[in-house]
Amino acid sequence: MHSNINYNSTIIIENQYFTSINCINYLFKHSHINILLFEPYRKMSFRNRCVVAGSNGLINLSVPVENGRDQKRVYKDVRISYSTDWQKQHWRTLTSCYSKSAFFEFYGPGVEKFFLKKEIFLFDLNLGILDWLKTVLRFKAEIMVMDDELFLKEETSIVDLRDRWLPKNFQQPAEDGFDKKYFQVFESRIGFQPNLSILDLLFNEGPNASTLFMP
């Protein structure tokens, strides 16, 4: 049992697209993680985007959704738009950024599969990614998809950490953030970039990524 795991608390996080490193950091520190199915969809969040590092700086990858900025549905009903071939563009970007990383060939096929299948709903795409991350990172947190927010009023011990980091502030230092440096392909050109997509850590550190979340 690791001393940094809190077995007496439950946290809520948003269901992210190739989630940020700081968010994954929470999954290693708690035993129970709740994701809300019927929460209002929030634009300009990591629910439909992630950030990776390229040779010229940071690159934002965004999954287009139907109704775009006029989106007012609950998260579970948000549909992915395929009016553009964003899947090919995302995969090409990841290949360009990480093909020279030490573990791209090892994890690449697992990542690519998410760009070969056309999920209808964004929530389902992200949940599939999270399930895959749980397998490759081997964190032990129990992830529950909740379809009712009433439990929030009854459980005072639950900590709501949704939108703790957003695209507008995701690199701001925080006491509870992931603070360990690791090798990055383009660090010599653009400097070390904190709190990128977990893919950055996986492609660069491989199986060692999990140990970096330990105390």
N, C-alpha and C. Protein backbone atom coordinates (compact mmCIF):
# COMPACT_ATOMS: atom_id res chain seq x y z
N MET A 1 0.85 -1.20 0.00
CA MET A 1 0.00 0.00 0.00
C MET A 1 0.88 1.24 0.00
N HIS A 2 0.61 2.18 -0.88
CA HIS A 2 1.41 3.38 -0.96
C HIS A 2 0.83 4.45 -0.04
N SER A 3 1.69 5.16 0.65
CA SER A 3 1.25 6.12 1.64
C SER A 3 0.52 7.31 1.04
N ASN A 4 0.68 7.54 -0.24
CA ASN A 4 0.05 8.70 -0.86
C ASN A 4 -1.37 8.41 -1.33
N ILE A 5 -1.86 7.21 -1.14
CA ILE A 5 -3.22 6.87 -1.55
C ILE A 5 -4.17 7.13 -0.39
N ASN A 6 -5.20 7.90 -0.64
CA ASN A 6 -6.17 8.24 0.39
C ASN A 6 -7.39 7.34 0.24
N TYR A 7 -7.50 6.37 1.11
CA TYR A 7 -8.59 5.41 1.01
C TYR A 7 -9.87 5.88 1.70
N ASN A 8 -9.86 7.09 2.23
CA ASN A 8 -11.03 7.58 2.94
C ASN A 8 -11.72 8.72 2.20
N SER A 9 -11.33 8.97 0.98
CA SER A 9 -11.95 10.06 0.26
C SER A 9 -12.26 9.65 -1.18
N THR A 10 -13.23 10.34 -1.73
CA THR A 10 -13.63 10.12 -3.12
C THR A 10 -13.51 11.45 -3.85
N ILE A 11 -13.01 11.43 -5.06
CA ILE A 11 -12.92 12.66 -5.83
C ILE A 11 -13.73 12.53 -7.12
N ILE A 12 -14.09 13.68 -7.66
CA ILE A 12 -14.78 13.74 -8.94
C ILE A 12 -13.87 14.46 -9.92
N ILE A 13 -13.69 13.88 -11.10
CA ILE A 13 -12.93 14.53 -12.15
C ILE A 13 -13.77 14.54 -13.42
N GLU A 14 -13.40 15.40 -14.35
CA GLU A 14 -14.06 15.37 -15.65
C GLU A 14 -13.45 14.30 -16.53
N ASN A 15 -14.19 13.82 -17.47
CA ASN A 15 -13.74 12.77 -18.39
C ASN A 15 -13.01 13.45 -19.55
N GLN A 16 -11.67 13.39 -19.52
CA GLN A 16 -10.85 14.16 -20.45
C GLN A 16 -10.42 13.36 -21.68
N TYR A 17 -10.01 14.09 -22.70
CA TYR A 17 -9.46 13.52 -23.93
C TYR A 17 -7.95 13.39 -23.77
N PHE A 18 -7.43 12.16 -23.76
CA PHE A 18 -6.01 11.91 -23.49
C PHE A 18 -5.54 12.83 -22.37
N THR A 19 -6.05 12.55 -21.23
CA THR A 19 -6.03 13.38 -20.05
C THR A 19 -4.66 13.97 -19.68
N SER A 20 -4.69 15.06 -18.97
CA SER A 20 -3.46 15.75 -18.57
C SER A 20 -2.72 14.98 -17.48
N ILE A 21 -1.45 15.23 -17.38
CA ILE A 21 -0.61 14.54 -16.40
C ILE A 21 -1.07 14.85 -14.98
N ASN A 22 -1.43 16.10 -14.70
CA ASN A 22 -1.88 16.44 -13.36
C ASN A 22 -3.15 15.70 -12.97
N CYS A 23 -4.02 15.48 -13.94
CA CYS A 23 -5.24 14.73 -13.65
C CYS A 23 -4.90 13.27 -13.33
N ILE A 24 -4.01 12.68 -14.10
CA ILE A 24 -3.57 11.31 -13.82
C ILE A 24 -2.92 11.23 -12.45
N ASN A 25 -2.24 12.28 -12.05
CA ASN A 25 -1.60 12.32 -10.74
C ASN A 25 -2.63 12.08 -9.63
N TYR A 26 -3.83 12.63 -9.80
CA TYR A 26 -4.90 12.41 -8.83
C TYR A 26 -5.31 10.94 -8.78
N LEU A 27 -5.30 10.29 -9.93
CA LEU A 27 -5.77 8.90 -9.98
C LEU A 27 -4.84 7.97 -9.21
N PHE A 28 -3.59 8.38 -9.05
CA PHE A 28 -2.65 7.58 -8.26
C PHE A 28 -2.74 7.89 -6.77
N LYS A 29 -3.41 8.97 -6.41
CA LYS A 29 -3.45 9.40 -5.01
C LYS A 29 -4.77 9.09 -4.32
N HIS A 30 -5.73 8.58 -5.07
CA HIS A 30 -7.04 8.28 -4.48
C HIS A 30 -7.52 6.92 -4.95
N SER A 31 -8.34 6.31 -4.15
CA SER A 31 -8.81 4.96 -4.47
C SER A 31 -10.16 4.94 -5.17
N HIS A 32 -10.92 6.03 -5.08
CA HIS A 32 -12.24 6.07 -5.68
C HIS A 32 -12.40 7.35 -6.51
N ILE A 33 -12.67 7.16 -7.79
CA ILE A 33 -12.80 8.27 -8.72
C ILE A 33 -14.19 8.23 -9.34
N ASN A 34 -14.91 9.34 -9.26
CA ASN A 34 -16.24 9.42 -9.86
C ASN A 34 -16.21 10.33 -11.09
N ILE A 35 -16.90 9.92 -12.13
CA ILE A 35 -17.10 10.72 -13.33
C ILE A 35 -18.59 10.85 -13.55
N LEU A 36 -19.05 12.07 -13.77
CA LEU A 36 -20.48 12.32 -13.89
C LEU A 36 -20.94 12.28 -15.33
N LEU A 37 -21.96 11.47 -15.57
CA LEU A 37 -22.47 11.26 -16.92
C LEU A 37 -23.36 12.40 -17.40
N PHE A 38 -24.11 12.99 -16.48
CA PHE A 38 -25.10 13.99 -16.86
C PHE A 38 -24.68 15.43 -16.54
N GLU A 39 -23.43 15.66 -16.28
CA GLU A 39 -23.01 17.03 -15.99
C GLU A 39 -23.14 17.90 -17.25
N PRO A 40 -23.38 19.20 -17.09
CA PRO A 40 -23.42 20.08 -18.26
C PRO A 40 -22.06 20.09 -18.96
N TYR A 41 -22.09 20.03 -20.27
CA TYR A 41 -20.84 20.04 -21.03
C TYR A 41 -20.21 21.43 -20.94
N ARG A 42 -18.94 21.47 -20.62
CA ARG A 42 -18.23 22.74 -20.52
C ARG A 42 -17.30 22.90 -21.71
N LYS A 43 -17.46 24.01 -22.41
CA LYS A 43 -16.57 24.32 -23.53
C LYS A 43 -15.24 24.85 -22.99
N MET A 44 -14.23 24.86 -23.85
CA MET A 44 -12.90 25.36 -23.49
C MET A 44 -12.33 24.60 -22.29
N SER A 45 -12.51 23.28 -22.30
CA SER A 45 -11.96 22.44 -21.24
C SER A 45 -11.22 21.28 -21.90
N PHE A 46 -10.64 20.43 -21.08
CA PHE A 46 -9.92 19.28 -21.61
C PHE A 46 -10.85 18.11 -21.93
N ARG A 47 -12.14 18.33 -21.88
CA ARG A 47 -13.07 17.27 -22.26
C ARG A 47 -12.94 16.91 -23.75
N ASN A 48 -12.59 17.88 -24.56
CA ASN A 48 -12.44 17.58 -25.99
C ASN A 48 -11.09 18.05 -26.55
N ARG A 49 -10.11 18.23 -25.68
CA ARG A 49 -8.82 18.67 -26.19
C ARG A 49 -7.69 18.21 -25.29
N CYS A 50 -6.49 18.20 -25.86
CA CYS A 50 -5.29 17.91 -25.10
C CYS A 50 -4.15 18.72 -25.69
N VAL A 51 -3.04 18.77 -24.98
CA VAL A 51 -1.88 19.56 -25.42
C VAL A 51 -0.66 18.66 -25.47
N VAL A 52 0.05 18.69 -26.59
CA VAL A 52 1.29 17.93 -26.76
C VAL A 52 2.40 18.90 -27.15
N ALA A 53 3.63 18.40 -27.16
CA ALA A 53 4.78 19.24 -27.47
C ALA A 53 5.37 18.89 -28.83
N GLY A 54 5.53 19.90 -29.70
CA GLY A 54 6.16 19.72 -31.00
C GLY A 54 7.48 20.45 -31.05
N SER A 55 8.14 20.38 -32.17
CA SER A 55 9.47 20.98 -32.30
C SER A 55 9.44 22.50 -32.20
N ASN A 56 8.29 23.11 -32.49
CA ASN A 56 8.19 24.57 -32.46
C ASN A 56 7.36 25.08 -31.29
N GLY A 57 6.95 24.19 -30.39
CA GLY A 57 6.17 24.62 -29.24
C GLY A 57 4.98 23.73 -28.97
N LEU A 58 4.08 24.23 -28.18
CA LEU A 58 2.91 23.44 -27.78
C LEU A 58 1.89 23.37 -28.91
N ILE A 59 1.23 22.22 -29.01
CA ILE A 59 0.21 21.99 -30.03
C ILE A 59 -1.08 21.56 -29.34
N ASN A 60 -2.16 22.26 -29.65
CA ASN A 60 -3.47 21.92 -29.10
C ASN A 60 -4.21 21.01 -30.08
N LEU A 61 -4.64 19.87 -29.59
CA LEU A 61 -5.44 18.95 -30.38
C LEU A 61 -6.87 19.01 -29.86
N SER A 62 -7.81 19.29 -30.75
CA SER A 62 -9.19 19.47 -30.33
C SER A 62 -10.11 18.55 -31.13
N VAL A 63 -10.97 17.84 -30.42
CA VAL A 63 -11.97 16.98 -31.06
C VAL A 63 -13.19 17.84 -31.38
N PRO A 64 -13.53 18.01 -32.64
CA PRO A 64 -14.70 18.83 -32.98
C PRO A 64 -15.99 18.14 -32.56
N VAL A 65 -16.92 18.94 -32.05
CA VAL A 65 -18.21 18.38 -31.63
C VAL A 65 -19.33 19.07 -32.41
N GLU A 66 -20.41 18.35 -32.58
CA GLU A 66 -21.55 18.92 -33.27
C GLU A 66 -22.13 20.08 -32.47
N ASN A 67 -22.57 21.09 -33.18
CA ASN A 67 -23.09 22.34 -32.60
C ASN A 67 -22.00 23.26 -32.07
N GLY A 68 -20.77 22.77 -32.04
CA GLY A 68 -19.63 23.62 -31.72
C GLY A 68 -19.82 24.49 -30.51
N ARG A 69 -19.62 25.80 -30.68
CA ARG A 69 -19.70 26.74 -29.56
C ARG A 69 -21.12 26.91 -29.03
N ASP A 70 -22.09 26.43 -29.77
CA ASP A 70 -23.48 26.52 -29.32
C ASP A 70 -23.91 25.31 -28.52
N GLN A 71 -22.91 24.47 -28.17
CA GLN A 71 -23.20 23.24 -27.45
C GLN A 71 -23.81 23.54 -26.09
N LYS A 72 -25.01 23.02 -25.83
CA LYS A 72 -25.66 23.24 -24.54
C LYS A 72 -26.21 21.95 -23.97
N ARG A 73 -25.72 20.83 -24.44
CA ARG A 73 -26.21 19.55 -23.98
C ARG A 73 -25.45 19.08 -22.75
N VAL A 74 -26.01 18.03 -22.11
CA VAL A 74 -25.25 17.38 -21.05
C VAL A 74 -24.13 16.58 -21.71
N TYR A 75 -23.10 16.31 -20.95
CA TYR A 75 -21.89 15.71 -21.51
C TYR A 75 -22.19 14.42 -22.27
N LYS A 76 -23.00 13.55 -21.71
CA LYS A 76 -23.22 12.24 -22.31
C LYS A 76 -23.83 12.32 -23.71
N ASP A 77 -24.49 13.44 -24.03
CA ASP A 77 -25.18 13.58 -25.31
C ASP A 77 -24.37 14.35 -26.36
N VAL A 78 -23.18 14.76 -26.01
CA VAL A 78 -22.36 15.53 -26.96
C VAL A 78 -21.81 14.59 -28.03
N ARG A 79 -22.13 14.90 -29.28
CA ARG A 79 -21.71 14.06 -30.40
C ARG A 79 -20.45 14.61 -31.06
N ILE A 80 -19.59 13.70 -31.47
CA ILE A 80 -18.37 14.07 -32.19
C ILE A 80 -18.72 14.41 -33.63
N SER A 81 -18.11 15.46 -34.15
CA SER A 81 -18.32 15.83 -35.55
C SER A 81 -17.21 15.22 -36.41
N TYR A 82 -17.63 14.65 -37.54
CA TYR A 82 -16.67 14.09 -38.49
C TYR A 82 -16.74 14.83 -39.83
N SER A 83 -17.11 16.11 -39.78
CA SER A 83 -17.15 16.91 -40.99
C SER A 83 -15.75 17.17 -41.54
N THR A 84 -14.75 17.06 -40.67
CA THR A 84 -13.34 17.11 -41.09
C THR A 84 -12.66 15.83 -40.62
N ASP A 85 -11.56 15.48 -41.24
CA ASP A 85 -10.86 14.25 -40.86
C ASP A 85 -9.88 14.55 -39.72
N TRP A 86 -10.45 14.92 -38.57
CA TRP A 86 -9.63 15.28 -37.43
C TRP A 86 -8.84 14.09 -36.90
N GLN A 87 -9.35 12.88 -37.07
CA GLN A 87 -8.63 11.70 -36.58
C GLN A 87 -7.29 11.53 -37.28
N LYS A 88 -7.29 11.70 -38.60
CA LYS A 88 -6.04 11.60 -39.34
C LYS A 88 -5.08 12.71 -38.95
N GLN A 89 -5.62 13.90 -38.74
CA GLN A 89 -4.78 15.04 -38.37
C GLN A 89 -4.16 14.84 -36.99
N HIS A 90 -4.94 14.34 -36.03
CA HIS A 90 -4.41 14.11 -34.68
C HIS A 90 -3.32 13.04 -34.71
N TRP A 91 -3.57 11.96 -35.44
CA TRP A 91 -2.59 10.88 -35.48
C TRP A 91 -1.31 11.34 -36.18
N ARG A 92 -1.43 12.10 -37.23
CA ARG A 92 -0.25 12.62 -37.91
C ARG A 92 0.55 13.54 -36.99
N THR A 93 -0.15 14.35 -36.21
CA THR A 93 0.53 15.25 -35.28
C THR A 93 1.27 14.46 -34.21
N LEU A 94 0.63 13.46 -33.66
CA LEU A 94 1.28 12.64 -32.64
C LEU A 94 2.48 11.91 -33.21
N THR A 95 2.36 11.42 -34.43
CA THR A 95 3.48 10.74 -35.07
C THR A 95 4.63 11.71 -35.30
N SER A 96 4.32 12.92 -35.74
CA SER A 96 5.36 13.93 -35.97
C SER A 96 6.06 14.32 -34.67
N CYS A 97 5.29 14.42 -33.61
CA CYS A 97 5.85 14.86 -32.32
C CYS A 97 6.63 13.76 -31.61
N TYR A 98 6.20 12.50 -31.75
CA TYR A 98 6.74 11.46 -30.87
C TYR A 98 7.33 10.24 -31.57
N SER A 99 7.40 10.26 -32.88
CA SER A 99 7.94 9.08 -33.57
C SER A 99 9.38 8.76 -33.15
N LYS A 100 10.10 9.78 -32.69
CA LYS A 100 11.49 9.57 -32.26
C LYS A 100 11.62 9.33 -30.76
N SER A 101 10.51 9.30 -30.07
CA SER A 101 10.56 9.04 -28.63
C SER A 101 10.81 7.55 -28.40
N ALA A 102 11.31 7.24 -27.23
CA ALA A 102 11.76 5.87 -26.94
C ALA A 102 10.66 4.83 -26.97
N PHE A 103 9.41 5.22 -26.66
CA PHE A 103 8.36 4.22 -26.51
C PHE A 103 7.18 4.43 -27.45
N PHE A 104 7.40 5.19 -28.53
CA PHE A 104 6.31 5.43 -29.47
C PHE A 104 5.86 4.12 -30.12
N GLU A 105 6.80 3.30 -30.52
CA GLU A 105 6.44 2.03 -31.17
C GLU A 105 5.72 1.09 -30.21
N PHE A 106 6.01 1.23 -28.93
CA PHE A 106 5.40 0.35 -27.94
C PHE A 106 3.94 0.74 -27.68
N TYR A 107 3.68 2.04 -27.51
CA TYR A 107 2.33 2.50 -27.18
C TYR A 107 1.54 2.99 -28.39
N GLY A 108 2.23 3.27 -29.49
CA GLY A 108 1.58 3.83 -30.66
C GLY A 108 0.38 3.05 -31.14
N PRO A 109 0.48 1.71 -31.30
CA PRO A 109 -0.67 0.95 -31.80
C PRO A 109 -1.90 1.07 -30.89
N GLY A 110 -1.68 1.14 -29.58
CA GLY A 110 -2.80 1.29 -28.66
C GLY A 110 -3.48 2.63 -28.80
N VAL A 111 -2.68 3.67 -29.08
CA VAL A 111 -3.24 5.01 -29.27
C VAL A 111 -3.94 5.11 -30.62
N GLU A 112 -3.31 4.55 -31.65
CA GLU A 112 -3.86 4.67 -33.00
C GLU A 112 -5.25 4.07 -33.12
N LYS A 113 -5.55 3.06 -32.34
CA LYS A 113 -6.86 2.41 -32.46
C LYS A 113 -8.00 3.38 -32.19
N PHE A 114 -7.73 4.43 -31.39
CA PHE A 114 -8.78 5.40 -31.09
C PHE A 114 -9.06 6.32 -32.27
N PHE A 115 -8.17 6.30 -33.26
CA PHE A 115 -8.37 7.13 -34.45
C PHE A 115 -8.86 6.30 -35.65
N LEU A 116 -9.07 5.04 -35.41
CA LEU A 116 -9.55 4.16 -36.48
C LEU A 116 -11.03 3.83 -36.33
N LYS A 117 -11.56 4.05 -35.14
CA LYS A 117 -12.98 3.80 -34.89
C LYS A 117 -13.69 5.12 -34.69
N LYS A 118 -14.86 5.28 -35.27
CA LYS A 118 -15.61 6.51 -35.15
C LYS A 118 -16.68 6.39 -34.07
N GLU A 119 -16.29 6.80 -32.86
CA GLU A 119 -17.27 6.83 -31.77
C GLU A 119 -18.29 7.92 -32.05
N ILE A 120 -19.51 7.71 -31.62
CA ILE A 120 -20.56 8.70 -31.81
C ILE A 120 -20.47 9.80 -30.76
N PHE A 121 -20.28 9.39 -29.52
CA PHE A 121 -20.31 10.34 -28.41
C PHE A 121 -18.91 10.58 -27.84
N LEU A 122 -18.63 11.83 -27.51
CA LEU A 122 -17.34 12.21 -26.94
C LEU A 122 -17.09 11.50 -25.62
N PHE A 123 -18.12 11.39 -24.79
CA PHE A 123 -17.97 10.74 -23.49
C PHE A 123 -17.46 9.32 -23.66
N ASP A 124 -18.00 8.59 -24.63
CA ASP A 124 -17.60 7.20 -24.85
C ASP A 124 -16.16 7.10 -25.34
N LEU A 125 -15.77 8.01 -26.21
CA LEU A 125 -14.38 8.04 -26.67
C LEU A 125 -13.43 8.23 -25.50
N ASN A 126 -13.72 9.22 -24.67
CA ASN A 126 -12.83 9.52 -23.56
C ASN A 126 -12.82 8.41 -22.51
N LEU A 127 -13.96 7.77 -22.30
CA LEU A 127 -14.00 6.69 -21.32
C LEU A 127 -13.17 5.50 -21.82
N GLY A 128 -13.23 5.23 -23.11
CA GLY A 128 -12.39 4.17 -23.67
C GLY A 128 -10.91 4.48 -23.52
N ILE A 129 -10.55 5.74 -23.71
CA ILE A 129 -9.16 6.15 -23.52
C ILE A 129 -8.75 5.97 -22.07
N LEU A 130 -9.62 6.37 -21.14
CA LEU A 130 -9.30 6.25 -19.72
C LEU A 130 -9.13 4.78 -19.32
N ASP A 131 -9.97 3.91 -19.84
CA ASP A 131 -9.83 2.48 -19.55
C ASP A 131 -8.49 1.96 -20.05
N TRP A 132 -8.07 2.41 -21.22
CA TRP A 132 -6.78 2.00 -21.77
C TRP A 132 -5.64 2.53 -20.90
N LEU A 133 -5.75 3.77 -20.46
CA LEU A 133 -4.72 4.35 -19.60
C LEU A 133 -4.62 3.60 -18.27
N LYS A 134 -5.75 3.18 -17.74
CA LYS A 134 -5.74 2.43 -16.48
C LYS A 134 -4.97 1.12 -16.66
N THR A 135 -5.09 0.52 -17.83
CA THR A 135 -4.37 -0.73 -18.10
C THR A 135 -2.88 -0.50 -18.24
N VAL A 136 -2.49 0.50 -19.02
CA VAL A 136 -1.05 0.68 -19.30
C VAL A 136 -0.33 1.33 -18.14
N LEU A 137 -1.02 2.17 -17.36
CA LEU A 137 -0.37 2.83 -16.23
C LEU A 137 -0.49 2.03 -14.94
N ARG A 138 -1.47 1.14 -14.91
CA ARG A 138 -1.66 0.24 -13.77
C ARG A 138 -1.97 0.99 -12.47
N PHE A 139 -2.76 2.06 -12.56
CA PHE A 139 -3.20 2.69 -11.31
C PHE A 139 -4.40 1.91 -10.79
N LYS A 140 -4.56 1.89 -9.48
CA LYS A 140 -5.53 1.00 -8.85
C LYS A 140 -6.85 1.68 -8.51
N ALA A 141 -6.98 2.94 -8.79
CA ALA A 141 -8.21 3.65 -8.44
C ALA A 141 -9.43 3.00 -9.10
N GLU A 142 -10.50 2.89 -8.35
CA GLU A 142 -11.76 2.39 -8.89
C GLU A 142 -12.51 3.55 -9.53
N ILE A 143 -12.80 3.44 -10.81
CA ILE A 143 -13.47 4.51 -11.54
C ILE A 143 -14.95 4.18 -11.69
N MET A 144 -15.79 5.07 -11.21
CA MET A 144 -17.23 4.87 -11.28
C MET A 144 -17.85 5.97 -12.13
N VAL A 145 -18.68 5.57 -13.10
CA VAL A 145 -19.45 6.53 -13.88
C VAL A 145 -20.80 6.69 -13.21
N MET A 146 -21.07 7.89 -12.71
CA MET A 146 -22.28 8.15 -11.95
C MET A 146 -23.33 8.81 -12.83
N ASP A 147 -24.57 8.36 -12.74
CA ASP A 147 -25.63 8.95 -13.56
C ASP A 147 -26.56 9.84 -12.75
N ASP A 148 -26.16 10.17 -11.54
CA ASP A 148 -27.00 10.99 -10.69
C ASP A 148 -26.12 11.86 -9.81
N GLU A 149 -26.41 13.15 -9.73
CA GLU A 149 -25.61 14.06 -8.92
C GLU A 149 -26.17 14.21 -7.50
N LEU A 150 -27.25 13.53 -7.17
CA LEU A 150 -27.83 13.67 -5.85
C LEU A 150 -26.86 13.24 -4.74
N PHE A 151 -25.99 12.29 -5.07
CA PHE A 151 -25.07 11.80 -4.05
C PHE A 151 -24.12 12.90 -3.59
N LEU A 152 -23.96 13.95 -4.41
CA LEU A 152 -23.07 15.04 -4.03
C LEU A 152 -23.59 15.76 -2.78
N LYS A 153 -24.90 15.83 -2.65
CA LYS A 153 -25.49 16.52 -1.51
C LYS A 153 -25.43 15.66 -0.25
N GLU A 154 -25.34 14.35 -0.45
CA GLU A 154 -25.37 13.43 0.69
C GLU A 154 -23.97 13.11 1.20
N GLU A 155 -22.99 13.14 0.32
CA GLU A 155 -21.62 12.77 0.70
C GLU A 155 -20.76 14.03 0.83
N THR A 156 -20.60 14.49 2.04
CA THR A 156 -19.83 15.72 2.26
C THR A 156 -18.33 15.52 2.11
N SER A 157 -17.88 14.26 2.12
CA SER A 157 -16.45 13.99 2.03
C SER A 157 -15.93 13.99 0.60
N ILE A 158 -16.84 14.05 -0.38
CA ILE A 158 -16.44 14.01 -1.78
C ILE A 158 -15.83 15.34 -2.18
N VAL A 159 -14.69 15.28 -2.83
CA VAL A 159 -13.99 16.49 -3.28
C VAL A 159 -14.19 16.62 -4.79
N ASP A 160 -14.76 17.72 -5.21
CA ASP A 160 -15.03 17.96 -6.62
C ASP A 160 -13.83 18.67 -7.25
N LEU A 161 -13.11 17.95 -8.12
CA LEU A 161 -11.90 18.49 -8.74
C LEU A 161 -12.08 18.72 -10.24
N ARG A 162 -13.31 18.78 -10.69
CA ARG A 162 -13.55 19.04 -12.11
C ARG A 162 -13.03 20.42 -12.50
N ASP A 163 -12.38 20.46 -13.67
CA ASP A 163 -11.86 21.71 -14.21
C ASP A 163 -10.83 22.36 -13.28
N ARG A 164 -10.14 21.52 -12.53
CA ARG A 164 -9.03 22.03 -11.70
C ARG A 164 -7.98 22.67 -12.60
N TRP A 165 -7.76 22.06 -13.76
CA TRP A 165 -6.88 22.65 -14.77
C TRP A 165 -7.66 22.80 -16.07
N LEU A 166 -7.49 23.93 -16.71
CA LEU A 166 -8.15 24.23 -17.97
C LEU A 166 -7.10 24.63 -19.01
N PRO A 167 -7.43 24.58 -20.29
CA PRO A 167 -6.46 24.97 -21.31
C PRO A 167 -5.88 26.37 -21.09
N LYS A 168 -6.60 27.24 -20.41
CA LYS A 168 -6.11 28.60 -20.21
C LYS A 168 -5.12 28.73 -19.05
N ASN A 169 -5.06 27.71 -18.18
CA ASN A 169 -4.18 27.83 -17.01
C ASN A 169 -3.45 26.54 -16.66
N PHE A 170 -3.41 25.57 -17.60
CA PHE A 170 -2.97 24.22 -17.24
C PHE A 170 -1.51 24.14 -16.83
N GLN A 171 -0.69 25.14 -17.17
CA GLN A 171 0.73 25.09 -16.81
C GLN A 171 1.08 25.97 -15.62
N GLN A 172 0.09 26.53 -14.99
CA GLN A 172 0.36 27.30 -13.78
C GLN A 172 0.75 26.36 -12.65
N PRO A 173 1.81 26.69 -11.91
CA PRO A 173 2.25 25.80 -10.83
C PRO A 173 1.19 25.69 -9.74
N ALA A 174 1.11 24.51 -9.14
CA ALA A 174 0.17 24.28 -8.05
C ALA A 174 0.78 23.29 -7.07
N GLU A 175 0.43 23.42 -5.81
CA GLU A 175 0.99 22.56 -4.79
C GLU A 175 0.63 21.09 -5.01
N ASP A 176 -0.52 20.84 -5.59
CA ASP A 176 -0.97 19.46 -5.76
C ASP A 176 -0.72 18.96 -7.18
N GLY A 177 0.10 19.65 -7.94
CA GLY A 177 0.40 19.24 -9.30
C GLY A 177 1.56 18.25 -9.37
N PHE A 178 1.72 17.64 -10.52
CA PHE A 178 2.84 16.72 -10.77
C PHE A 178 4.09 17.57 -10.98
N ASP A 179 5.10 17.41 -10.13
CA ASP A 179 6.24 18.32 -10.14
C ASP A 179 7.57 17.65 -10.51
N LYS A 180 7.51 16.46 -11.12
CA LYS A 180 8.74 15.76 -11.48
C LYS A 180 9.08 15.99 -12.95
N LYS A 181 10.34 16.24 -13.21
CA LYS A 181 10.77 16.42 -14.59
C LYS A 181 11.13 15.07 -15.19
N TYR A 182 10.97 14.96 -16.49
CA TYR A 182 11.30 13.74 -17.20
C TYR A 182 11.80 14.13 -18.59
N PHE A 183 12.35 13.19 -19.32
CA PHE A 183 12.89 13.50 -20.65
C PHE A 183 11.77 13.86 -21.61
N GLN A 184 11.98 14.94 -22.37
CA GLN A 184 11.06 15.33 -23.43
C GLN A 184 11.84 15.52 -24.73
N VAL A 185 11.27 15.07 -25.82
CA VAL A 185 11.97 15.04 -27.11
C VAL A 185 12.52 16.41 -27.50
N PHE A 186 11.73 17.44 -27.32
CA PHE A 186 12.12 18.77 -27.81
C PHE A 186 12.50 19.74 -26.69
N GLU A 187 12.89 19.21 -25.54
CA GLU A 187 13.21 20.09 -24.41
C GLU A 187 14.36 21.05 -24.74
N SER A 188 15.33 20.58 -25.49
CA SER A 188 16.48 21.44 -25.82
C SER A 188 16.08 22.63 -26.69
N ARG A 189 14.93 22.51 -27.37
CA ARG A 189 14.48 23.58 -28.26
C ARG A 189 13.43 24.48 -27.62
N ILE A 190 12.51 23.89 -26.89
CA ILE A 190 11.38 24.68 -26.36
C ILE A 190 11.32 24.68 -24.84
N GLY A 191 12.31 24.06 -24.19
CA GLY A 191 12.30 23.98 -22.75
C GLY A 191 11.35 22.91 -22.24
N PHE A 192 11.49 22.58 -20.96
CA PHE A 192 10.61 21.56 -20.39
C PHE A 192 9.20 22.11 -20.27
N GLN A 193 8.22 21.32 -20.69
CA GLN A 193 6.81 21.73 -20.69
C GLN A 193 6.01 20.86 -19.71
N PRO A 194 5.53 21.45 -18.62
CA PRO A 194 4.79 20.68 -17.62
C PRO A 194 3.33 20.44 -18.00
N ASN A 195 2.76 19.42 -17.41
CA ASN A 195 1.33 19.11 -17.48
C ASN A 195 0.79 19.02 -18.90
N LEU A 196 1.49 18.32 -19.75
CA LEU A 196 0.98 18.03 -21.09
C LEU A 196 0.03 16.84 -21.02
N SER A 197 -0.42 16.38 -22.16
CA SER A 197 -1.20 15.15 -22.21
C SER A 197 -0.36 14.01 -21.65
N ILE A 198 -1.00 13.05 -21.01
CA ILE A 198 -0.30 11.88 -20.50
C ILE A 198 0.46 11.15 -21.59
N LEU A 199 0.08 11.34 -22.86
CA LEU A 199 0.80 10.70 -23.96
C LEU A 199 2.26 11.15 -24.01
N ASP A 200 2.51 12.39 -23.65
CA ASP A 200 3.89 12.89 -23.64
C ASP A 200 4.74 12.09 -22.67
N LEU A 201 4.22 11.86 -21.51
CA LEU A 201 4.95 11.09 -20.49
C LEU A 201 5.09 9.63 -20.90
N LEU A 202 4.03 9.04 -21.43
CA LEU A 202 4.08 7.64 -21.84
C LEU A 202 5.07 7.40 -22.97
N PHE A 203 5.01 8.22 -24.01
CA PHE A 203 5.89 8.02 -25.15
C PHE A 203 7.36 8.24 -24.78
N ASN A 204 7.61 9.11 -23.82
CA ASN A 204 8.99 9.42 -23.46
C ASN A 204 9.56 8.53 -22.36
N GLU A 205 8.71 8.11 -21.43
CA GLU A 205 9.20 7.34 -20.27
C GLU A 205 8.76 5.89 -20.26
N GLY A 206 7.75 5.54 -21.02
CA GLY A 206 7.32 4.15 -21.07
C GLY A 206 6.83 3.63 -19.74
N PRO A 207 7.12 2.38 -19.40
CA PRO A 207 6.65 1.79 -18.15
C PRO A 207 7.12 2.56 -16.90
N ASN A 208 8.20 3.31 -17.04
CA ASN A 208 8.68 4.10 -15.90
C ASN A 208 7.73 5.22 -15.53
N ALA A 209 6.80 5.56 -16.42
CA ALA A 209 5.87 6.66 -16.16
C ALA A 209 5.10 6.43 -14.87
N SER A 210 4.67 5.22 -14.61
CA SER A 210 3.89 4.93 -13.42
C SER A 210 4.67 5.21 -12.15
N THR A 211 5.95 4.89 -12.15
CA THR A 211 6.76 5.08 -10.94
C THR A 211 6.96 6.54 -10.62
N LEU A 212 6.86 7.41 -11.61
CA LEU A 212 7.04 8.84 -11.36
C LEU A 212 5.89 9.44 -10.57
N PHE A 213 4.75 8.74 -10.53
CA PHE A 213 3.63 9.24 -9.76
C PHE A 213 3.71 8.79 -8.29
N MET A 214 4.65 7.93 -7.99
CA MET A 214 4.80 7.46 -6.62
C MET A 214 5.63 8.44 -5.81
N PRO A 215 5.46 8.47 -4.48
CA PRO A 215 6.23 9.40 -3.63
C PRO A 215 7.69 9.06 -3.60
